[in-house]
Protein backbone atom coordinates (compact mmCIF):
# COMPACT_ATOMS: atom_id res chain seq x y z
CA MET A 1 18.15 18.62 -9.75
CA SER A 2 14.94 19.89 -8.16
CA THR A 3 13.10 16.77 -9.41
CA LEU A 4 15.75 14.56 -7.82
CA ILE A 5 15.42 16.38 -4.50
CA LEU A 6 11.63 16.08 -4.61
CA ALA A 7 11.93 12.33 -5.33
CA LEU A 8 14.31 11.89 -2.39
CA VAL A 9 12.07 13.84 0.00
CA ALA A 10 8.86 12.14 -1.16
CA GLY A 11 10.43 8.71 -0.85
CA ALA A 12 11.64 9.49 2.66
CA VAL A 13 8.15 10.61 3.75
CA VAL A 14 6.49 7.51 2.27
CA GLY A 15 9.07 5.23 3.88
CA LEU A 16 8.72 7.02 7.22
CA ALA A 17 4.97 6.48 7.18
CA LEU A 18 5.35 2.83 6.20
CA GLY A 19 7.88 2.16 8.93
CA ALA A 20 5.94 4.01 11.61
CA LEU A 21 2.45 2.70 10.82
CA GLY A 22 3.08 -0.69 9.23
CA GLY A 23 0.49 -0.04 6.53
CA GLY A 24 -1.10 2.78 4.58
CA GLY A 25 2.08 4.71 3.88
CA SER A 26 2.18 3.64 0.24
CA VAL A 27 -1.09 5.52 -0.34
CA LEU A 28 1.02 8.67 -0.37
CA ALA A 29 3.24 7.42 -3.20
CA VAL A 30 0.73 7.90 -6.03
CA PRO A 31 -0.25 11.52 -5.24
CA ALA A 32 3.42 12.38 -4.67
CA LEU A 33 4.33 10.96 -8.08
CA ILE A 34 1.45 12.81 -9.78
CA TYR A 35 1.52 16.23 -8.13
CA LEU A 36 5.19 16.59 -7.16
CA LEU A 37 6.98 14.64 -9.89
CA GLY A 38 4.67 15.11 -12.88
CA PHE A 39 3.68 11.49 -13.55
CA THR A 40 0.37 10.70 -15.25
CA PRO A 41 -2.07 8.68 -13.08
CA ALA A 42 -1.39 5.53 -15.14
CA ALA A 43 2.39 5.92 -14.87
CA ALA A 44 2.11 6.84 -11.18
CA THR A 45 0.16 3.67 -10.29
CA THR A 46 2.69 1.53 -12.18
CA ALA A 47 5.65 3.28 -10.55
CA SER A 48 3.95 2.93 -7.18
CA LEU A 49 3.75 -0.83 -7.67
CA VAL A 50 7.51 -0.92 -8.21
CA ILE A 51 8.04 1.14 -5.05
CA VAL A 52 5.58 -0.96 -3.04
CA THR A 53 7.25 -4.20 -4.20
CA ALA A 54 10.74 -3.03 -3.25
CA THR A 55 9.77 -1.67 0.16
CA SER A 56 7.52 -4.64 0.96
CA LEU A 57 10.27 -7.13 0.10
CA THR A 58 12.69 -5.28 2.39
CA ALA A 59 10.20 -5.26 5.25
CA LEU A 60 9.18 -8.89 4.55
CA TYR A 61 12.79 -10.02 5.02
CA ALA A 62 12.96 -8.32 8.41
CA HIS A 63 9.64 -9.78 9.57
CA ALA A 64 10.54 -13.24 8.29
CA ARG A 65 13.76 -13.23 10.30
CA ALA A 66 11.70 -12.36 13.37
CA GLY A 67 9.33 -15.27 12.68
CA HIS A 68 6.29 -13.07 12.04
CA VAL A 69 5.33 -14.49 8.61
CA ARG A 70 2.87 -17.38 8.24
CA TRP A 71 3.99 -18.59 4.84
CA ARG A 72 1.37 -21.26 4.08
CA ALA A 73 -1.68 -19.23 5.09
CA GLY A 74 -0.23 -16.08 3.51
CA ALA A 75 0.45 -17.88 0.24
CA ALA A 76 -3.15 -19.17 0.12
CA PHE A 77 -4.51 -15.69 0.88
CA ALA A 78 -2.27 -14.17 -1.79
CA ALA A 79 -3.21 -16.83 -4.35
CA ALA A 80 -6.83 -15.65 -4.23
CA GLY A 81 -5.69 -12.17 -5.25
CA LEU A 82 -3.22 -12.99 -8.03
CA LEU A 83 -5.72 -13.22 -10.91
CA PRO A 84 -7.71 -10.12 -9.80
CA ALA A 85 -4.44 -8.21 -9.42
CA ALA A 86 -3.32 -9.21 -12.91
CA LEU A 87 -6.67 -8.37 -14.51
CA ALA A 88 -6.97 -5.05 -12.69
CA GLY A 89 -3.41 -4.16 -13.62
CA ALA A 90 -4.17 -4.79 -17.28
CA ALA A 91 -7.37 -2.71 -17.07
CA ALA A 92 -5.75 0.24 -15.28
CA GLY A 93 -3.91 1.45 -18.36
CA ARG A 94 -7.18 1.62 -20.33
CA LEU A 95 -9.17 3.67 -17.83
CA PRO A 96 -9.51 7.47 -18.15
CA GLN A 97 -7.12 9.36 -15.90
CA ALA A 98 -9.99 11.11 -14.12
CA VAL A 99 -11.48 7.73 -13.17
CA LEU A 100 -8.18 6.54 -11.71
CA THR A 101 -7.82 9.79 -9.77
CA LEU A 102 -11.36 9.58 -8.38
CA ALA A 103 -10.90 5.93 -7.41
CA PHE A 104 -7.63 6.66 -5.69
CA ALA A 105 -9.15 9.60 -3.78
CA GLY A 106 -11.86 7.24 -2.50
CA VAL A 107 -9.30 4.66 -1.35
CA ALA A 108 -7.22 7.34 0.39
CA ALA A 109 -10.30 8.60 2.22
CA LEU A 110 -11.22 5.01 3.21
CA ALA A 111 -7.73 4.44 4.58
CA ALA A 112 -7.89 7.67 6.58
CA LEU A 113 -11.31 6.90 8.05
CA ARG A 114 -10.19 3.38 9.03
CA MET A 115 -7.19 4.87 10.84
CA LEU A 116 -9.41 7.33 12.72
CA ARG A 117 -11.68 4.56 14.00
CA PRO A 118 -11.00 3.46 17.58
CA ALA A 119 -9.09 0.22 17.80
CA ALA A 120 -11.18 -2.86 18.46
CA PRO A 121 -10.86 -4.16 22.03
CA ALA A 122 -8.67 -7.18 22.54
CA GLY A 123 -10.56 -10.39 21.95
CA ALA A 124 -13.26 -8.71 19.85
CA GLU A 125 -12.25 -10.57 16.71
CA SER A 126 -13.78 -13.94 15.96
CA ALA A 127 -11.38 -16.85 16.19
CA ALA A 128 -13.26 -18.84 13.53
CA VAL A 129 -11.44 -19.06 10.21
CA ARG A 130 -13.82 -18.57 7.28
CA PRO A 131 -12.28 -19.81 3.98
CA GLY A 132 -14.93 -18.16 1.80
CA ARG A 133 -14.44 -14.76 3.37
CA ALA A 134 -10.68 -15.23 3.26
CA ALA A 135 -10.80 -15.91 -0.49
CA GLY A 136 -13.08 -12.92 -1.05
CA ALA A 137 -10.85 -10.62 0.98
CA GLY A 138 -7.76 -11.84 -0.84
CA ALA A 139 -9.38 -11.30 -4.24
CA GLY A 140 -10.56 -7.80 -3.30
CA LEU A 141 -7.14 -6.81 -2.04
CA GLY A 142 -5.52 -8.12 -5.22
CA ALA A 143 -7.87 -6.09 -7.41
CA LEU A 144 -7.19 -2.95 -5.37
CA THR A 145 -3.44 -3.43 -5.63
CA GLY A 146 -3.55 -4.07 -9.35
CA LEU A 147 -5.83 -1.17 -10.21
CA LEU A 148 -4.47 1.62 -8.04
CA GLY A 149 -0.90 0.59 -7.29
CA VAL A 150 -1.30 0.65 -3.50
CA GLY A 151 -0.07 -2.06 -1.18
CA GLY A 152 -3.31 -2.20 0.74
CA GLY A 153 -1.72 -2.89 4.09
CA PHE A 154 -4.43 -0.80 5.74
CA LEU A 155 -6.93 -3.40 4.47
CA ALA A 156 -4.76 -6.55 4.51
CA VAL A 157 -3.84 -6.37 8.18
CA PRO A 158 -7.40 -6.11 9.56
CA ALA A 159 -8.55 -8.76 7.06
CA LEU A 160 -5.92 -11.21 8.31
CA VAL A 161 -6.83 -10.44 11.92
CA THR A 162 -10.60 -10.75 11.55
CA VAL A 163 -10.92 -13.38 8.83
CA LEU A 164 -7.94 -15.66 9.58
CA ALA A 165 -7.70 -14.89 13.31
CA PHE A 166 -4.03 -13.84 13.14
CA GLU A 167 -2.42 -11.99 16.02
CA MET A 168 -1.29 -8.49 15.04
CA GLN A 169 2.44 -9.18 14.54
CA ALA A 170 1.72 -12.17 12.31
CA ALA A 171 -0.89 -10.16 10.39
CA VAL A 172 1.56 -7.33 9.67
CA GLY A 173 4.34 -9.71 8.61
CA THR A 174 2.10 -11.93 6.49
CA SER A 175 0.41 -8.94 4.84
CA LEU A 176 3.79 -8.02 3.35
CA LEU A 177 3.92 -11.41 1.63
CA VAL A 178 0.43 -10.87 0.22
CA ILE A 179 1.22 -7.31 -0.93
CA THR A 180 4.46 -8.39 -2.63
CA ALA A 181 2.75 -11.22 -4.52
CA ASN A 182 -0.14 -9.01 -5.69
CA SER A 183 2.21 -6.22 -6.76
CA LEU A 184 4.35 -8.60 -8.81
CA ALA A 185 1.26 -10.09 -10.48
CA SER A 186 0.01 -6.65 -11.44
CA LEU A 187 3.42 -5.54 -12.68
CA ALA A 188 3.62 -8.62 -14.91
CA THR A 189 0.47 -7.56 -16.78
CA ARG A 190 1.53 -3.93 -16.98
CA SER A 191 4.97 -4.70 -18.42
CA GLY A 192 3.63 -4.64 -21.98
CA ALA A 193 1.60 -1.47 -21.54
CA ALA A 194 2.68 1.74 -23.20
CA VAL A 195 3.68 3.43 -19.95
CA SER A 196 7.19 4.85 -19.75
CA LEU A 197 8.77 5.06 -16.32
CA ASP A 198 11.45 7.56 -15.30
CA TRP A 199 13.91 5.36 -13.43
CA ALA A 200 16.08 8.36 -12.60
CA VAL A 201 13.19 9.45 -10.36
CA ILE A 202 11.90 6.05 -9.21
CA GLY A 203 15.33 4.77 -8.14
CA PRO A 204 16.06 7.56 -5.62
CA PHE A 205 12.41 7.41 -4.46
CA ILE A 206 12.80 3.71 -3.62
CA ALA A 207 16.19 4.21 -1.94
CA THR A 208 14.95 6.88 0.48
CA ALA A 209 11.67 5.01 1.06
CA VAL A 210 13.61 1.94 2.25
CA LEU A 211 15.86 4.07 4.46
CA GLY A 212 12.89 6.08 5.74
CA ALA A 213 11.13 2.88 6.76
CA TRP A 214 13.90 2.11 9.25
CA ASP A 215 13.62 5.63 10.70
CA GLY A 216 9.87 5.15 10.90
CA LYS A 217 10.34 2.08 13.08
CA ARG A 218 12.44 4.14 15.48
CA LEU A 219 9.84 6.92 15.44
CA ALA A 220 7.09 4.43 16.29
CA ALA A 221 9.04 3.43 19.39
CA LYS A 222 9.06 7.03 20.65
CA VAL A 223 5.59 8.29 19.70
CA SER A 224 2.32 6.55 20.52
CA GLY A 225 0.76 4.59 17.67
CA PRO A 226 -2.70 6.20 17.95
CA ARG A 227 -1.21 9.69 17.74
CA LEU A 228 0.81 8.78 14.64
CA GLN A 229 -2.28 7.28 13.04
CA ARG A 230 -4.38 10.38 13.69
CA VAL A 231 -1.78 12.70 12.18
CA PHE A 232 -1.37 10.49 9.14
CA ALA A 233 -5.15 10.12 8.73
CA VAL A 234 -5.58 13.90 8.62
CA VAL A 235 -2.87 14.15 5.95
CA LEU A 236 -4.56 11.41 3.91
CA LEU A 237 -7.95 13.12 4.13
CA ALA A 238 -6.40 16.33 2.85
CA VAL A 239 -4.75 14.44 -0.03
CA ALA A 240 -8.04 12.72 -0.88
CA ALA A 241 -9.93 16.03 -0.89
CA PHE A 242 -7.31 17.63 -3.14
CA MET A 243 -7.38 14.74 -5.61
CA LEU A 244 -11.18 14.74 -5.66
CA ALA A 245 -11.26 18.46 -6.41
CA ASP A 246 -8.63 18.01 -9.12
CA ALA A 247 -10.58 15.18 -10.79
CA VAL A 248 -13.91 17.03 -10.95
CA THR A 249 -12.55 20.40 -12.14
C-alpha cells in the first residue's frame, strides 16, 4: 500500500510541474521511479517513456483543440528525431546503470540552469528558418528522449522558437507532438528488451500525473511563471546533485 501511495503522490507532483511549466516536469519522473519506487535506472527510463507518452498525448489533444499545434512542421521536426530515438532507446538497456544515472543528472542540471536563465526579450529570436539546424535539433532531442526517457520539453520549446521561429503557444503545443513521436519510437525498440515494468505502480502514476497536469494549469494562472520556474529549478538542481553523488559513491 505504501508503494501505491508513493506512486500516486509522485505522479501528482510530476503532473503538477508539467501543467504549471509546460516542459521539464517529466525530468522528475525518473528519479522518483528510482529513489521512491525502487526501479532500476533502465526500468525507470522505460517507465518514464510510458508516462511521458500518456501525459503528452493528453496535453497534445488539449492544445490541438485550441489550434496551437503546427502539424506539418512538427511532423518534419519529429521525423528527424525518430531514428536517433529508436537507436538510443535500444542502446539504453545495454549501458551501465551508473552511466545512465550520471547522464540523467547532467540533463537535470541543464534543465534547471536553462530555467534559471532570464527570459530572452521579445523579438530577440531570429525569424529565419534554418532547415539544417532544425534537423540537428530534432535529431538531438530524439536521442535524448530515447536514451534517458525524458520528454525534453525544456529543450524542444526553445528549439522550436529559435530555429523554426514559432511563437510560444505554437512551440509548446507542437513540442508535445514531437515528444510523443520520439517517445513512441524509443518504446518500440525497448519492447523486446529484458526490462520488466510494474504496471501496478505505473498505472496510478500516470493517472495522477494526468490529473495533476490540469491542476498545474490552474496553478500557473495564479502564480507568476518566473517564480514557478525558479522554485522548480532549485528542486531539479537538488535532484541532480543527489543523483550525481549516488552515481560516484
